[in-house]
């Protein structure tokens, strides 16, 4: 599941594997877990894992504020792509 992949990726790359208390709603930007350069690393990881291209206008603090928000964004983009393809 994407949520689990994101938690693992963020934990390994930005929390030095210290994910105690880290969950879907942990504020990533507010707690300085990720910064602007890490945000673009996450976008690249999401593209690789999901084949979803996240539009630049969707790369906002609110869309990347937590793992839950990131997965909602990816789901929304997938639904939009499926609607266009149908």
Protein backbone atom coordinates (compact mmCIF):
# COMPACT_ATOMS: atom_id res chain seq x y z
CA UNK A 1 0.00 0.00 0.00
CA UNK A 2 1.28 3.48 -0.87
CA UNK A 3 0.85 4.76 2.69
CA UNK A 4 3.18 2.07 4.02
CA UNK A 5 5.75 2.70 1.28
CA UNK A 6 5.73 6.41 2.09
CA UNK A 7 6.12 5.83 5.81
CA UNK A 8 9.03 3.46 5.15
CA UNK A 9 10.67 5.82 2.64
CA UNK A 10 10.38 8.87 4.90
CA UNK A 11 11.51 6.90 7.94
CA UNK A 12 14.58 5.52 6.20
CA UNK A 13 15.58 8.72 4.42
CA UNK A 14 14.60 11.52 6.80
CA UNK A 15 14.14 10.02 10.26
CA UNK A 16 17.24 7.82 10.31
CA UNK A 17 14.95 4.80 10.87
CA UNK A 18 13.59 6.35 14.08
CA UNK A 19 9.92 6.20 13.16
CA UNK A 20 8.55 5.87 16.67
CA UNK A 21 5.31 7.83 16.75
CA UNK A 22 5.46 8.52 13.01
CA UNK A 23 2.09 7.85 11.36
CA UNK A 24 -0.23 8.93 8.56
CA UNK A 25 -1.04 12.25 10.19
CA UNK A 26 2.40 13.32 11.43
CA UNK A 27 2.98 16.88 10.13
CA UNK A 28 5.90 16.46 7.74
CA UNK A 29 6.65 20.12 7.08
CA UNK A 30 5.59 21.53 10.43
CA UNK A 31 7.89 19.10 12.27
CA UNK A 32 10.69 19.74 9.73
CA UNK A 33 10.78 16.09 8.75
CA UNK A 34 11.02 17.13 5.12
CA UNK A 35 12.15 20.37 3.54
CA UNK A 36 11.70 21.78 0.05
CA UNK A 37 14.40 19.62 -1.53
CA UNK A 38 13.04 16.51 0.19
CA UNK A 39 9.63 17.43 -1.17
CA UNK A 40 10.92 17.02 -4.71
CA UNK A 41 12.62 13.74 -3.76
CA UNK A 42 9.20 12.54 -2.58
CA UNK A 43 7.62 13.62 -5.87
CA UNK A 44 10.24 11.60 -7.77
CA UNK A 45 9.67 8.58 -5.51
CA UNK A 46 5.91 8.82 -6.04
CA UNK A 47 6.36 9.02 -9.79
CA UNK A 48 8.55 5.92 -9.73
CA UNK A 49 6.28 3.93 -7.40
CA UNK A 50 2.91 4.90 -8.90
CA UNK A 51 3.67 6.07 -12.46
CA UNK A 52 1.76 9.24 -11.57
CA UNK A 53 3.15 12.56 -12.68
CA UNK A 54 2.27 15.16 -10.06
CA UNK A 55 1.62 18.54 -11.69
CA UNK A 56 3.78 21.37 -10.37
CA UNK A 57 0.70 23.30 -9.24
CA UNK A 58 -0.21 20.37 -6.95
CA UNK A 59 3.17 20.45 -5.17
CA UNK A 60 1.95 22.56 -2.28
CA UNK A 61 2.52 22.47 1.48
CA UNK A 62 -1.09 21.43 2.09
CA UNK A 63 -0.85 18.46 -0.32
CA UNK A 64 2.39 17.29 1.30
CA UNK A 65 1.61 18.11 4.91
CA UNK A 66 1.27 14.44 5.92
CA UNK A 67 1.40 10.95 4.45
CA UNK A 68 -2.42 10.91 4.48
CA UNK A 69 -2.55 14.11 2.39
CA UNK A 70 0.03 12.79 -0.05
CA UNK A 71 -1.91 9.57 -0.62
CA UNK A 72 -5.14 11.55 -1.10
CA UNK A 73 -3.40 13.67 -3.73
CA UNK A 74 -2.09 10.62 -5.60
CA UNK A 75 -5.54 9.00 -5.48
CA UNK A 76 -7.14 12.18 -6.81
CA UNK A 77 -4.68 12.36 -9.71
CA UNK A 78 -5.22 8.69 -10.55
CA UNK A 79 -9.00 9.21 -10.56
CA UNK A 80 -8.63 12.25 -12.82
CA UNK A 81 -6.45 10.28 -15.24
CA UNK A 82 -8.92 7.39 -15.28
CA UNK A 83 -11.81 9.78 -15.97
CA UNK A 84 -9.93 11.27 -18.91
CA UNK A 85 -9.10 7.80 -20.27
CA UNK A 86 -12.70 6.57 -20.01
